[in-house]
Amino acid sequence: MVSYALKQGLAMSPDLPGRLAELRVMPGASLHGESGARELAGLHRQLVRAIQPATPQAVVLIERERLRGGWLRWLGPIPLIRTLTLTSVGCLASVVGLAMSSLVNEHNITLGFLASSGSTLGWNVMFILACAGLGAAFSALFQAHRYVADATYDPRFDSSYAARMILGLIAGLILVELLPENLFADSSLGAFGKPALAMMGGFSASAVYRLLQRMVEVMETVVRGDSGQQAAASIQSQRASAESESIRARGELAAGLLDLQREMQADPRLDQVRQQLTGLARQMMSDES
């Protein structure tokens, strides 16, 4: 981490490298003691803060791969980048190679699954999958390069790139062959051909997922009924419940006033008050009815 910070010109305490060098030549027993472990933890915390947003794990892995060398290192600094680079080159070569076939042309590629068959369908579907794979590989390689450049790469997520490639292939094929042809007729995507749409689907499988999710929501709305009608029915039900609660509250208040009137009948000096309470109770009962 010290080497990374010095190469990147990051600010850190000038005493930090010297103190680390002193600790390296100290006997092992001294480092394993409580004070030595506490000092090492403090120095490590300072280094972590100095190299942020980079992570210690990514810095160590990248440096280890650099020291290992090898003739494949020109493809990328870590194995994941090299694998994605080779995958991208393979998809690009597949697109070019399949496009050279006489069966892959503008007419055949627009036929789709139901209007084509045999080798013609096979070659064109492979071409579509190659375009989707090229978009997926480009997206994965671009994102992985950004993590490596920022030294925030985490090898725990290596398997997610393979899943992203598979999702890209599926998304590209769904977008081009399984969705209605006139789905994008009224948008700017309507001018794109199937290869471009397949590459876009492979590049962003999440966009295809959201598109399918939106279509499912529309279908559920049609099956369950208009959402506006459901909202109006809900408001009407709430209004009826509120009116019922108000009627019940007025009835309870009127009953309480009548009880109070009966208790005050024993005192003749409160005739005027009794008359007012009687009028109020009658008024509330008439409002309730």
Protein backbone atom coordinates (compact mmCIF):
# COMPACT_ATOMS: atom_id res chain seq x y z
CA MET A 1 0.00 0.00 0.00
CA VAL A 2 2.93 2.33 0.66
CA SER A 3 4.26 1.65 -2.83
CA TYR A 4 0.84 2.32 -4.35
CA ALA A 5 0.45 5.58 -2.42
CA LEU A 6 3.91 6.76 -3.48
CA LYS A 7 3.34 5.86 -7.15
CA GLN A 8 -0.02 7.62 -7.21
CA GLY A 9 1.29 10.68 -5.39
CA LEU A 10 -1.16 10.32 -2.51
CA ALA A 11 -0.70 12.35 0.65
CA MET A 12 0.33 10.45 3.77
CA SER A 13 2.37 10.99 6.89
CA PRO A 14 6.10 11.27 6.08
CA ASP A 15 6.95 9.14 9.13
CA LEU A 16 4.75 6.26 8.01
CA PRO A 17 7.14 4.53 5.55
CA GLY A 18 10.04 4.81 7.95
CA ARG A 19 8.09 3.36 10.84
CA LEU A 20 6.92 0.45 8.69
CA ALA A 21 10.52 -0.24 7.68
CA GLU A 22 11.52 -0.33 11.34
CA LEU A 23 8.75 -2.77 12.17
CA ARG A 24 9.83 -5.09 9.36
CA VAL A 25 13.30 -5.58 10.88
CA MET A 26 12.00 -6.04 14.43
CA PRO A 27 11.95 -9.56 15.94
CA GLY A 28 8.76 -11.51 15.43
CA ALA A 29 8.05 -11.72 19.15
CA SER A 30 7.89 -7.94 19.40
CA LEU A 31 5.38 -7.68 16.56
CA HIS A 32 3.18 -10.39 18.04
CA GLY A 33 2.91 -8.54 21.33
CA GLU A 34 -0.02 -6.33 22.25
CA SER A 35 1.78 -3.05 21.65
CA GLY A 36 3.20 -4.19 18.31
CA ALA A 37 -0.17 -5.42 17.07
CA ARG A 38 -1.82 -2.18 18.15
CA GLU A 39 0.78 -0.11 16.30
CA LEU A 40 0.46 -2.23 13.15
CA ALA A 41 -3.32 -1.80 13.22
CA GLY A 42 -2.92 1.96 13.56
CA LEU A 43 -0.47 2.15 10.65
CA HIS A 44 -2.76 -0.01 8.53
CA ARG A 45 -5.67 2.30 9.27
CA GLN A 46 -3.62 5.31 8.19
CA LEU A 47 -2.66 3.60 4.93
CA VAL A 48 -6.26 2.63 4.20
CA ARG A 49 -7.31 6.25 4.61
CA ALA A 50 -4.44 7.43 2.43
CA ILE A 51 -5.26 5.20 -0.57
CA GLN A 52 -9.05 5.66 -0.55
CA PRO A 53 -11.17 4.93 -2.58
CA ALA A 54 -8.79 2.07 -3.43
CA THR A 55 -9.00 -1.01 -1.23
CA PRO A 56 -6.04 -2.90 0.27
CA GLN A 57 -7.21 -6.18 -1.27
CA ALA A 58 -7.34 -4.75 -4.79
CA VAL A 59 -3.95 -3.06 -4.42
CA VAL A 60 -2.31 -6.30 -3.23
CA LEU A 61 -3.92 -8.42 -5.99
CA ILE A 62 -2.95 -6.02 -8.78
CA GLU A 63 0.62 -5.75 -7.50
CA ARG A 64 0.89 -9.53 -7.14
CA GLU A 65 -0.25 -10.04 -10.74
CA ARG A 66 2.21 -7.41 -11.91
CA LEU A 67 5.11 -9.19 -10.26
CA ARG A 68 3.99 -12.57 -11.59
CA GLY A 69 4.33 -11.41 -15.20
CA GLY A 70 3.58 -13.69 -18.14
CA TRP A 71 2.99 -13.18 -21.83
CA LEU A 72 -0.78 -12.85 -21.36
CA ARG A 73 -0.38 -9.85 -19.11
CA TRP A 74 -0.67 -7.48 -22.08
CA LEU A 75 -4.35 -8.46 -22.25
CA GLY A 76 -5.01 -7.06 -18.78
CA PRO A 77 -3.56 -6.63 -15.30
CA ILE A 78 -5.70 -9.38 -13.68
CA PRO A 79 -7.15 -12.71 -14.87
CA LEU A 80 -10.72 -11.37 -15.05
CA ILE A 81 -9.76 -8.59 -17.45
CA ARG A 82 -7.81 -11.03 -19.60
CA THR A 83 -10.76 -13.44 -19.74
CA LEU A 84 -13.20 -10.69 -20.67
CA THR A 85 -10.81 -9.35 -23.30
CA LEU A 86 -10.51 -12.76 -24.95
CA THR A 87 -14.30 -13.16 -24.76
CA SER A 88 -14.80 -9.79 -26.43
CA VAL A 89 -12.36 -10.66 -29.19
CA GLY A 90 -14.11 -14.01 -29.68
CA CYS A 91 -17.53 -12.35 -29.96
CA LEU A 92 -16.15 -9.79 -32.40
CA ALA A 93 -14.59 -12.51 -34.54
CA SER A 94 -17.87 -14.45 -34.44
CA VAL A 95 -19.84 -11.43 -35.63
CA VAL A 96 -17.46 -10.86 -38.53
CA GLY A 97 -17.22 -14.54 -39.43
CA LEU A 98 -20.95 -15.20 -39.33
CA ALA A 99 -21.69 -12.04 -41.31
CA MET A 100 -19.54 -13.42 -44.16
CA SER A 101 -22.01 -16.27 -44.70
CA SER A 102 -24.40 -15.89 -47.62
CA LEU A 103 -27.25 -17.10 -45.40
CA VAL A 104 -26.88 -14.09 -43.11
CA ASN A 105 -28.38 -11.16 -44.98
CA GLU A 106 -30.93 -8.40 -44.50
CA HIS A 107 -33.84 -10.47 -45.77
CA ASN A 108 -33.16 -13.66 -43.81
CA ILE A 109 -32.45 -11.89 -40.55
CA THR A 110 -35.86 -10.20 -40.59
CA LEU A 111 -37.75 -13.49 -40.99
CA GLY A 112 -37.48 -14.54 -37.36
CA PHE A 113 -38.21 -17.89 -35.74
CA LEU A 114 -41.59 -18.59 -37.30
CA ALA A 115 -40.86 -17.56 -40.89
CA SER A 116 -37.48 -19.29 -41.19
CA SER A 117 -36.10 -22.77 -40.57
CA GLY A 118 -33.12 -25.05 -40.99
CA SER A 119 -29.61 -23.77 -41.53
CA THR A 120 -30.87 -20.32 -42.50
CA LEU A 121 -32.49 -19.89 -39.10
CA GLY A 122 -29.48 -21.40 -37.32
CA TRP A 123 -26.93 -19.08 -38.93
CA ASN A 124 -29.01 -15.96 -38.31
CA VAL A 125 -29.76 -16.86 -34.69
CA MET A 126 -26.04 -17.45 -34.07
CA PHE A 127 -25.33 -14.06 -35.62
CA ILE A 128 -27.89 -12.43 -33.30
CA LEU A 129 -26.37 -14.21 -30.28
CA ALA A 130 -22.89 -13.10 -31.33
CA CYS A 131 -24.10 -9.48 -31.49
CA ALA A 132 -25.71 -9.81 -28.05
CA GLY A 133 -22.54 -11.40 -26.66
CA LEU A 134 -20.46 -8.56 -28.09
CA GLY A 135 -22.62 -6.01 -26.28
CA ALA A 136 -22.52 -7.98 -23.03
CA ALA A 137 -18.74 -8.45 -23.22
CA PHE A 138 -18.22 -4.76 -23.97
CA SER A 139 -20.33 -3.73 -20.97
CA ALA A 140 -18.65 -6.20 -18.58
CA LEU A 141 -15.14 -5.34 -19.78
CA PHE A 142 -15.75 -1.60 -19.50
CA GLN A 143 -17.09 -1.89 -15.96
CA ALA A 144 -14.33 -4.25 -14.82
CA HIS A 145 -11.66 -1.93 -16.24
CA ARG A 146 -13.12 0.93 -14.22
CA TYR A 147 -12.89 -1.09 -11.00
CA VAL A 148 -9.29 -2.04 -11.73
CA ALA A 149 -8.34 1.53 -12.63
CA ASP A 150 -9.79 2.77 -9.33
CA ALA A 151 -8.23 -0.17 -7.45
CA THR A 152 -11.65 -1.11 -6.06
CA TYR A 153 -11.75 -4.53 -7.73
CA ASP A 154 -13.15 -7.35 -5.58
CA PRO A 155 -12.55 -10.96 -6.76
CA ARG A 156 -15.69 -12.12 -4.94
CA PHE A 157 -17.76 -10.76 -7.83
CA ASP A 158 -15.87 -12.53 -10.62
CA SER A 159 -18.68 -15.04 -11.11
CA SER A 160 -21.19 -12.22 -11.58
CA TYR A 161 -19.54 -11.31 -14.88
CA ALA A 162 -20.23 -14.77 -16.28
CA ALA A 163 -23.86 -14.44 -15.19
CA ARG A 164 -23.96 -11.01 -16.82
CA MET A 165 -22.73 -12.48 -20.10
CA ILE A 166 -25.42 -15.17 -20.04
CA LEU A 167 -28.11 -12.64 -19.18
CA GLY A 168 -26.90 -10.46 -22.04
CA LEU A 169 -27.26 -13.31 -24.53
CA ILE A 170 -30.78 -14.08 -23.29
CA ALA A 171 -31.79 -10.41 -23.25
CA GLY A 172 -30.52 -9.81 -26.77
CA LEU A 173 -32.41 -12.79 -28.15
CA ILE A 174 -35.63 -11.84 -26.31
CA LEU A 175 -35.45 -8.24 -27.48
CA VAL A 176 -34.95 -9.16 -31.14
CA GLU A 177 -36.88 -12.39 -31.72
CA LEU A 178 -39.49 -12.89 -28.99
CA LEU A 179 -41.00 -9.44 -28.51
CA PRO A 180 -43.51 -7.98 -31.02
CA GLU A 181 -41.89 -6.49 -34.10
CA ASN A 182 -43.87 -3.23 -33.89
CA LEU A 183 -43.05 -2.68 -30.21
CA PHE A 184 -40.55 0.10 -31.02
CA ALA A 185 -42.20 1.31 -34.23
CA ASP A 186 -43.20 4.68 -32.74
CA SER A 187 -39.86 5.34 -31.01
CA SER A 188 -36.35 6.13 -32.14
CA LEU A 189 -35.43 2.46 -31.68
CA GLY A 190 -37.66 1.59 -34.61
CA ALA A 191 -34.91 2.67 -37.01
CA PHE A 192 -32.45 0.16 -35.53
CA GLY A 193 -31.93 -3.21 -37.12
CA LYS A 194 -31.94 -6.52 -35.31
CA PRO A 195 -28.13 -6.69 -34.86
CA ALA A 196 -28.07 -3.27 -33.18
CA LEU A 197 -31.02 -4.15 -30.93
CA ALA A 198 -29.38 -7.44 -29.98
CA MET A 199 -26.17 -5.65 -29.06
CA MET A 200 -28.11 -3.11 -26.99
CA GLY A 201 -29.99 -5.90 -25.23
CA GLY A 202 -26.72 -7.64 -24.41
CA PHE A 203 -25.16 -4.39 -23.21
CA SER A 204 -27.99 -3.69 -20.76
CA ALA A 205 -29.88 -6.82 -19.75
CA SER A 206 -31.42 -4.82 -16.90
CA ALA A 207 -33.20 -2.57 -19.43
CA VAL A 208 -34.79 -5.61 -21.08
CA TYR A 209 -35.80 -6.90 -17.64
CA ARG A 210 -37.50 -3.59 -16.82
CA LEU A 211 -39.25 -3.65 -20.21
CA LEU A 212 -40.63 -7.13 -19.54
CA GLN A 213 -41.60 -6.13 -16.00
CA ARG A 214 -43.50 -3.14 -17.37
CA MET A 215 -45.34 -5.36 -19.86
CA VAL A 216 -46.33 -7.72 -17.04
CA GLU A 217 -47.64 -4.80 -14.98
CA VAL A 218 -49.74 -3.61 -17.92
CA MET A 219 -51.14 -7.12 -18.37
CA GLU A 220 -51.99 -7.36 -14.66
CA THR A 221 -53.77 -4.01 -14.87
CA VAL A 222 -55.88 -5.25 -17.78
CA VAL A 223 -56.77 -8.46 -15.94
CA ARG A 224 -57.56 -6.85 -12.59
CA GLY A 225 -59.35 -3.80 -14.04
CA ASP A 226 -58.63 -0.12 -14.40
CA SER A 227 -56.56 1.26 -11.54
CA GLY A 228 -58.66 4.47 -11.61
CA GLN A 229 -61.80 2.50 -10.90
CA GLN A 230 -60.07 0.67 -8.08
CA ALA A 231 -58.94 3.99 -6.58
CA ALA A 232 -62.47 5.45 -6.84
CA ALA A 233 -63.93 2.37 -5.14
CA SER A 234 -61.35 2.63 -2.36
CA ILE A 235 -62.14 6.33 -1.81
CA GLN A 236 -65.87 5.59 -1.72
CA SER A 237 -65.33 2.85 0.85
CA GLN A 238 -63.23 5.13 3.04
CA ARG A 239 -65.85 7.88 2.78
CA ALA A 240 -68.64 5.51 3.83
CA SER A 241 -66.55 4.30 6.76
CA ALA A 242 -65.89 7.89 7.87
CA GLU A 243 -69.60 8.78 7.68
CA SER A 244 -70.53 5.72 9.73
CA GLU A 245 -67.97 6.65 12.37
CA SER A 246 -69.30 10.23 12.49
CA ILE A 247 -72.90 9.02 12.95
CA ARG A 248 -71.82 6.70 15.76
CA ALA A 249 -69.95 9.52 17.53
CA ARG A 250 -72.95 11.87 17.31
CA GLY A 251 -75.23 9.16 18.71
CA GLU A 252 -72.94 8.59 21.67
CA LEU A 253 -72.77 12.33 22.37
CA ALA A 254 -76.56 12.67 22.21
CA ALA A 255 -76.99 9.76 24.63
CA GLY A 256 -74.56 11.41 27.03
CA LEU A 257 -76.47 14.69 26.88
CA LEU A 258 -79.75 12.93 27.65
CA ASP A 259 -78.20 11.22 30.67
CA LEU A 260 -76.93 14.58 31.88
CA GLN A 261 -80.40 16.08 31.43
CA ARG A 262 -82.00 13.37 33.57
CA GLU A 263 -79.50 13.96 36.34
CA MET A 264 -80.24 17.72 36.34
CA GLN A 265 -84.03 17.30 36.60
CA ALA A 266 -83.78 17.04 40.37
CA ASP A 267 -82.67 20.69 40.65
CA PRO A 268 -85.44 23.19 39.59
CA ARG A 269 -82.89 26.02 39.26
CA LEU A 270 -81.44 24.39 36.15
CA ASP A 271 -84.60 24.49 34.00
CA GLN A 272 -83.04 26.78 31.39
CA VAL A 273 -79.96 24.58 31.11
CA ARG A 274 -82.17 21.49 30.73
CA GLN A 275 -84.10 23.17 27.93
CA GLN A 276 -80.88 24.03 26.10
CA LEU A 277 -79.58 20.47 26.47
CA THR A 278 -82.90 19.07 25.22
CA GLY A 279 -82.78 21.30 22.14
CA LEU A 280 -79.17 20.35 21.45
CA ALA A 281 -79.92 16.63 21.77
CA ARG A 282 -82.90 16.90 19.44
CA GLN A 283 -80.85 18.81 16.91
CA MET A 284 -78.09 16.15 16.95
CA MET A 285 -80.61 13.33 16.61
CA SER A 286 -82.21 15.08 13.63
CA ASP A 287 -78.77 15.55 12.01
CA GLU A 288 -78.05 11.87 12.53
CA SER A 289 -81.28 10.80 10.85
